[in-house]
């Protein structure tokens, strides 16, 4: 083998032995950091509170990107750790079902 061939082989072995196992560790750490950030922001608490409102009507102040903050009279359909599914009526009195990230919910009134 030529010098370039050996270097490529050694680089491949180095990546396979040392960098790939670290990649899994990095993924685990990123997931833990994301969870800690959510807890610090209070998103888990908000999702727990909103989950108590499933199938109930409420007024929800939401920060829509590209639009101003809106207060919607809506029914909470479903909730998980990151998303809330709501149904509301638009200006044309049509039912709209929308998924909103928990972090975009600014306020909830019953």
Foldseek 3Di string as FASTA:
>chain_A
DDPVVVVVVVVVVCCVPPVVVVVVVVVVVVVVVVVVVCVVVCLQVLLVVVQVQAQHWKWWFFDDPPDHIDTFGWGFHHGDSFWTWIWGADPVRDIDIDIDTSVRTDDIGD
